[in-house]
């Protein structure tokens, strides 16, 4: 169990349900959705950051508001976000204001606000809200995972019957793992390129069986880990290690995990 501070400031433990924090996470998701949806399908500025990724007015406004909400409700907690940098402390809220900014900018509804609470570096709570699709995923460590109130459960399909999901094909073709990628394509029942949060949530739902991305920042994977794991799946790097900021991410139904790790590790 991880130490945390209760409402009265006394030391406590992270139990199966962080009721106050989960309620707050939903308030954040609601407010972020209001802001983002006020921009979606409208006209807004899209800039290119130094790492060549896009950022919109909606990204920066959502993160600013979330940081203000955390400062008001949990003033001793840190905040790490995609747009305004890393926080520190035993408890850190991790925010990706709009995961799938390219989709957002192009008018594609597959984007979401991602929010996680990490305690001592481990994600204990995660919420993924995709308002343009009317979908919300949530999980608390030890308390299960849900999608629009329905229990989430990963599949139990084996590799030869698996639905493989991956990020953009540009991440694979011409890279070190191209042959492993092609091998997995040949070894599975079907495949699709569903990037960002969406592929990982399909794994948690049991619709897909594994999803792989070569490199993700902590705000991209923090809430995903607890949701997939509480649904009965697994989350590691391609080498089977614990995820870290900027590492590869493999989410799976657990059944195929070892086989996929082995193939991705055979360079």
Protein backbone atom coordinates (compact mmCIF):
# COMPACT_ATOMS: atom_id res chain seq x y z
CA UNK A 1 0.00 0.00 0.00
CA UNK A 2 1.19 3.53 -0.70
CA UNK A 3 1.15 6.35 1.83
CA UNK A 4 -1.04 9.36 1.12
CA UNK A 5 -2.59 12.24 3.03
CA UNK A 6 -6.22 12.11 3.99
CA UNK A 7 -8.55 15.11 4.01
CA UNK A 8 -7.42 16.00 7.53
CA UNK A 9 -3.75 15.91 6.51
CA UNK A 10 -3.02 12.70 8.42
CA UNK A 11 -1.15 9.85 6.81
CA UNK A 12 -3.36 7.16 5.35
CA UNK A 13 -3.26 4.50 2.67
CA UNK A 14 -4.48 4.15 -0.87
CA UNK A 15 -7.43 1.83 -0.54
CA UNK A 16 -9.49 0.10 -3.23
CA UNK A 17 -11.50 3.27 -3.87
CA UNK A 18 -10.20 6.84 -3.79
CA UNK A 19 -13.70 8.26 -3.57
CA UNK A 20 -12.86 11.95 -3.22
CA UNK A 21 -10.18 11.81 -5.89
CA UNK A 22 -12.37 9.85 -8.31
CA UNK A 23 -15.24 12.30 -7.88
CA UNK A 24 -12.79 15.14 -8.56
CA UNK A 25 -11.45 13.35 -11.66
CA UNK A 26 -14.96 13.24 -13.08
CA UNK A 27 -15.43 16.94 -12.38
CA UNK A 28 -12.20 17.59 -14.26
CA UNK A 29 -13.33 15.40 -17.16
CA UNK A 30 -16.66 17.24 -17.36
CA UNK A 31 -15.00 20.67 -17.38
CA UNK A 32 -12.34 19.60 -19.88
CA UNK A 33 -15.06 18.25 -22.17
CA UNK A 34 -16.94 21.55 -22.06
CA UNK A 35 -13.83 23.45 -23.08
CA UNK A 36 -12.64 21.03 -25.76
CA UNK A 37 -16.06 20.59 -27.34
CA UNK A 38 -16.44 24.37 -27.59
CA UNK A 39 -13.48 24.29 -29.99
CA UNK A 40 -14.02 20.97 -31.78
CA UNK A 41 -15.23 21.35 -35.38
CA UNK A 42 -14.76 25.10 -35.12
CA UNK A 43 -11.94 27.39 -36.08
CA UNK A 44 -8.87 27.50 -33.84
CA UNK A 45 -5.14 27.97 -34.03
CA UNK A 46 -2.90 24.92 -34.47
CA UNK A 47 0.80 25.41 -33.74
CA UNK A 48 3.76 23.06 -34.10
CA UNK A 49 5.86 22.49 -30.99
CA UNK A 50 9.66 21.99 -31.06
CA UNK A 51 9.16 18.19 -31.10
CA UNK A 52 7.02 18.68 -34.25
CA UNK A 53 3.81 17.61 -32.53
CA UNK A 54 0.76 19.86 -32.89
CA UNK A 55 -0.87 21.88 -30.11
CA UNK A 56 -4.15 23.77 -30.22
CA UNK A 57 -5.77 26.50 -28.16
CA UNK A 58 -7.96 23.79 -26.68
CA UNK A 59 -4.92 21.83 -25.40
CA UNK A 60 -3.45 24.80 -23.56
CA UNK A 61 -6.76 26.05 -22.16
CA UNK A 62 -7.80 22.62 -20.86
CA UNK A 63 -4.48 22.05 -19.12
CA UNK A 64 -4.52 25.51 -17.58
CA UNK A 65 -7.99 24.95 -16.13
CA UNK A 66 -7.09 21.47 -14.85
CA UNK A 67 -4.02 22.83 -13.08
CA UNK A 68 -6.17 25.51 -11.45
CA UNK A 69 -8.70 22.89 -10.31
CA UNK A 70 -6.00 20.69 -8.76
CA UNK A 71 -4.40 23.69 -7.02
CA UNK A 72 -7.78 24.58 -5.49
CA UNK A 73 -8.87 21.07 -4.42
CA UNK A 74 -5.54 19.36 -3.71
CA UNK A 75 -3.01 22.17 -3.14
CA UNK A 76 -0.28 19.82 -1.88
CA UNK A 77 -0.41 17.62 -5.01
CA UNK A 78 1.85 18.07 -8.02
CA UNK A 79 0.71 18.26 -11.64
CA UNK A 80 2.48 16.90 -14.70
CA UNK A 81 1.03 17.87 -18.06
CA UNK A 82 1.92 17.72 -21.72
CA UNK A 83 1.86 21.45 -22.25
CA UNK A 84 3.28 22.97 -19.06
CA UNK A 85 5.79 20.55 -17.60
CA UNK A 86 6.36 18.17 -14.72
CA UNK A 87 5.31 18.37 -11.11
CA UNK A 88 6.75 16.53 -8.14
CA UNK A 89 5.79 15.11 -4.78
CA UNK A 90 4.33 11.85 -3.46
CA UNK A 91 1.04 12.51 -5.26
CA UNK A 92 1.04 13.83 -8.80
CA UNK A 93 -1.89 14.35 -11.15
CA UNK A 94 -0.92 13.58 -14.74
CA UNK A 95 -2.87 15.29 -17.54
CA UNK A 96 -2.97 15.01 -21.31
CA UNK A 97 -5.48 17.72 -22.18
CA UNK A 98 -6.20 16.30 -25.64
CA UNK A 99 -4.76 12.94 -26.56
CA UNK A 100 -5.13 12.70 -30.32
CA UNK A 101 -4.56 16.36 -31.16
CA UNK A 102 -4.10 15.58 -34.86
CA UNK A 103 -7.51 13.90 -34.90
CA UNK A 104 -9.00 16.84 -33.02
CA UNK A 105 -7.54 19.31 -35.50
CA UNK A 106 -8.74 17.26 -38.47
CA UNK A 107 -12.29 16.93 -37.15
CA UNK A 108 -11.95 13.22 -36.28
CA UNK A 109 -13.84 12.41 -33.03
CA UNK A 110 -11.26 9.92 -31.71
CA UNK A 111 -9.58 12.10 -29.07
CA UNK A 112 -9.77 12.24 -25.30
CA UNK A 113 -8.69 13.99 -22.14
CA UNK A 114 -6.49 11.66 -20.06
CA UNK A 115 -6.17 12.10 -16.29
CA UNK A 116 -4.30 9.98 -13.77
CA UNK A 117 -3.30 10.19 -10.14
CA UNK A 118 0.10 8.70 -9.39
CA UNK A 119 1.12 7.95 -5.80
CA UNK A 120 4.81 7.28 -5.26
CA UNK A 121 5.17 6.91 -9.03
CA UNK A 122 2.43 4.30 -9.47
CA UNK A 123 -0.89 5.07 -11.15
CA UNK A 124 -3.69 4.51 -8.67
CA UNK A 125 -6.53 6.19 -10.58
CA UNK A 126 -7.20 6.81 -14.25
CA UNK A 127 -9.96 8.47 -16.27
CA UNK A 128 -10.12 8.64 -20.06
CA UNK A 129 -12.89 10.85 -21.40
CA UNK A 130 -13.75 10.97 -25.12
CA UNK A 131 -16.65 13.43 -25.27
CA UNK A 132 -17.01 13.55 -29.05
CA UNK A 133 -17.73 9.80 -28.92
CA UNK A 134 -19.69 9.90 -25.67
CA UNK A 135 -17.33 7.47 -23.95
CA UNK A 136 -15.70 7.57 -20.52
CA UNK A 137 -13.38 4.97 -19.03
CA UNK A 138 -12.31 4.86 -15.40
CA UNK A 139 -10.42 2.69 -12.95
CA UNK A 140 -9.07 2.79 -9.42
CA UNK A 141 -6.37 0.36 -8.37
CA UNK A 142 -8.08 -2.59 -6.72
CA UNK A 143 -11.56 -1.38 -7.63
CA UNK A 144 -12.04 -2.63 -11.19
CA UNK A 145 -12.53 -0.68 -14.41
CA UNK A 146 -15.62 0.57 -16.21
CA UNK A 147 -16.66 2.03 -19.56
CA UNK A 148 -19.77 4.26 -19.35
CA UNK A 149 -20.64 2.41 -16.15
CA UNK A 150 -20.20 -1.08 -17.63
CA UNK A 151 -17.53 -3.40 -16.27
CA UNK A 152 -14.48 -3.76 -18.48
CA UNK A 153 -12.93 -7.16 -19.11
CA UNK A 154 -10.04 -7.99 -21.42
CA UNK A 155 -10.40 -10.92 -23.79
CA UNK A 156 -8.86 -14.38 -23.46
CA UNK A 157 -8.06 -14.95 -27.14
CA UNK A 158 -4.75 -16.48 -28.19
CA UNK A 159 -2.39 -14.96 -30.75
CA UNK A 160 -3.67 -16.83 -33.82
CA UNK A 161 -7.19 -15.54 -33.07
CA UNK A 162 -6.09 -12.08 -31.95
CA UNK A 163 -7.07 -8.64 -33.15
CA UNK A 164 -3.83 -6.63 -33.27
CA UNK A 165 -3.91 -2.84 -32.97
CA UNK A 166 -0.96 -0.57 -33.63
CA UNK A 167 0.00 3.07 -33.98
CA UNK A 168 0.72 4.67 -37.33
CA UNK A 169 2.39 2.34 -39.80
CA UNK A 170 5.11 4.99 -40.14
CA UNK A 171 6.28 3.94 -36.66
CA UNK A 172 7.07 0.46 -37.94
CA UNK A 173 8.01 0.37 -41.60
CA UNK A 174 11.72 1.02 -42.04
CA UNK A 175 12.42 0.74 -38.31
CA UNK A 176 14.28 -1.80 -36.17
CA UNK A 177 11.12 -3.79 -35.50
CA UNK A 178 9.72 -3.88 -39.03
CA UNK A 179 10.18 -7.64 -39.37
CA UNK A 180 8.63 -8.28 -35.96
CA UNK A 181 5.71 -6.07 -37.01
CA UNK A 182 5.24 -8.02 -40.24
CA UNK A 183 5.52 -11.30 -38.33
CA UNK A 184 2.77 -10.24 -35.95
CA UNK A 185 0.58 -9.17 -38.87
CA UNK A 186 0.94 -12.65 -40.35
CA UNK A 187 0.36 -14.38 -37.00
CA UNK A 188 -2.89 -12.69 -35.99
CA UNK A 189 -6.48 -12.90 -37.20
CA UNK A 190 -6.82 -9.22 -38.09
CA UNK A 191 -5.19 -5.84 -37.53
CA UNK A 192 -5.98 -2.14 -37.62
CA UNK A 193 -4.12 1.11 -36.97
CA UNK A 194 -5.93 2.83 -34.10
CA UNK A 195 -3.50 5.23 -32.47
CA UNK A 196 -3.56 7.17 -29.23
CA UNK A 197 -5.78 6.12 -26.30
CA UNK A 198 -8.35 4.39 -28.50
CA UNK A 199 -6.46 1.18 -29.25
CA UNK A 200 -5.60 0.67 -25.58
CA UNK A 201 -9.21 1.12 -24.52
CA UNK A 202 -10.27 -1.45 -27.12
CA UNK A 203 -7.91 -3.88 -25.36
CA UNK A 204 -9.49 -3.07 -21.99
CA UNK A 205 -12.94 -3.62 -23.50
CA UNK A 206 -11.97 -7.03 -24.90
CA UNK A 207 -12.64 -5.83 -28.45
CA UNK A 208 -8.93 -5.94 -29.38
CA UNK A 209 -6.29 -8.22 -27.92
CA UNK A 210 -3.11 -6.12 -27.94
CA UNK A 211 -2.01 -2.62 -28.82
CA UNK A 212 1.59 -1.45 -29.28
CA UNK A 213 3.26 1.95 -29.57
CA UNK A 214 7.04 2.50 -29.83
CA UNK A 215 7.27 5.59 -27.60
CA UNK A 216 4.84 7.37 -25.27
CA UNK A 217 5.23 10.12 -22.71
CA UNK A 218 3.94 9.51 -19.20
CA UNK A 219 0.77 11.58 -19.78
CA UNK A 220 -0.09 9.27 -22.70
CA UNK A 221 0.10 6.03 -20.73
CA UNK A 222 -0.45 6.85 -17.03
CA UNK A 223 -4.26 6.41 -16.96
CA UNK A 224 -4.16 3.63 -19.53
CA UNK A 225 -2.10 1.37 -17.26
CA UNK A 226 -4.56 1.16 -14.40
CA UNK A 227 -7.59 0.84 -16.70
CA UNK A 228 -6.12 -2.03 -18.72
CA UNK A 229 -4.71 -3.81 -15.67
CA UNK A 230 -7.96 -3.50 -13.71
CA UNK A 231 -9.72 -4.99 -16.75
CA UNK A 232 -7.46 -8.05 -16.44
CA UNK A 233 -4.89 -7.06 -19.05
CA UNK A 234 -1.17 -6.34 -18.89
CA UNK A 235 0.91 -3.25 -19.61
CA UNK A 236 4.68 -3.30 -20.16
CA UNK A 237 7.31 -2.03 -22.55
CA UNK A 238 8.16 -4.11 -25.61
CA UNK A 239 10.87 -5.76 -23.51
CA UNK A 240 8.47 -6.68 -20.72
CA UNK A 241 9.67 -3.98 -18.30
CA UNK A 242 7.61 -1.43 -16.39
CA UNK A 243 6.71 1.63 -18.50
CA UNK A 244 8.67 4.84 -18.06
CA UNK A 245 8.44 8.31 -19.58
CA UNK A 246 9.19 7.97 -23.30
CA UNK A 247 9.25 4.16 -23.32
CA UNK A 248 7.45 1.79 -25.64
CA UNK A 249 4.04 0.56 -24.48
CA UNK A 250 2.38 -2.80 -25.04
CA UNK A 251 -1.11 -3.38 -23.64
CA UNK A 252 -2.66 -6.81 -24.00
CA UNK A 253 -5.26 -9.27 -22.78
CA UNK A 254 -2.47 -11.07 -20.80
CA UNK A 255 -2.86 -14.31 -22.79
CA UNK A 256 -0.81 -13.08 -25.75
CA UNK A 257 1.53 -10.82 -23.80
CA UNK A 258 4.55 -13.10 -23.44
CA UNK A 259 4.44 -14.17 -27.09
CA UNK A 260 4.22 -10.58 -28.34
CA UNK A 261 7.06 -9.45 -26.05
CA UNK A 262 9.23 -12.28 -27.32
CA UNK A 263 8.64 -11.35 -30.96
CA UNK A 264 9.20 -7.62 -30.37
CA UNK A 265 12.40 -8.34 -28.45
CA UNK A 266 13.98 -10.50 -31.16
CA UNK A 267 15.87 -7.80 -33.07
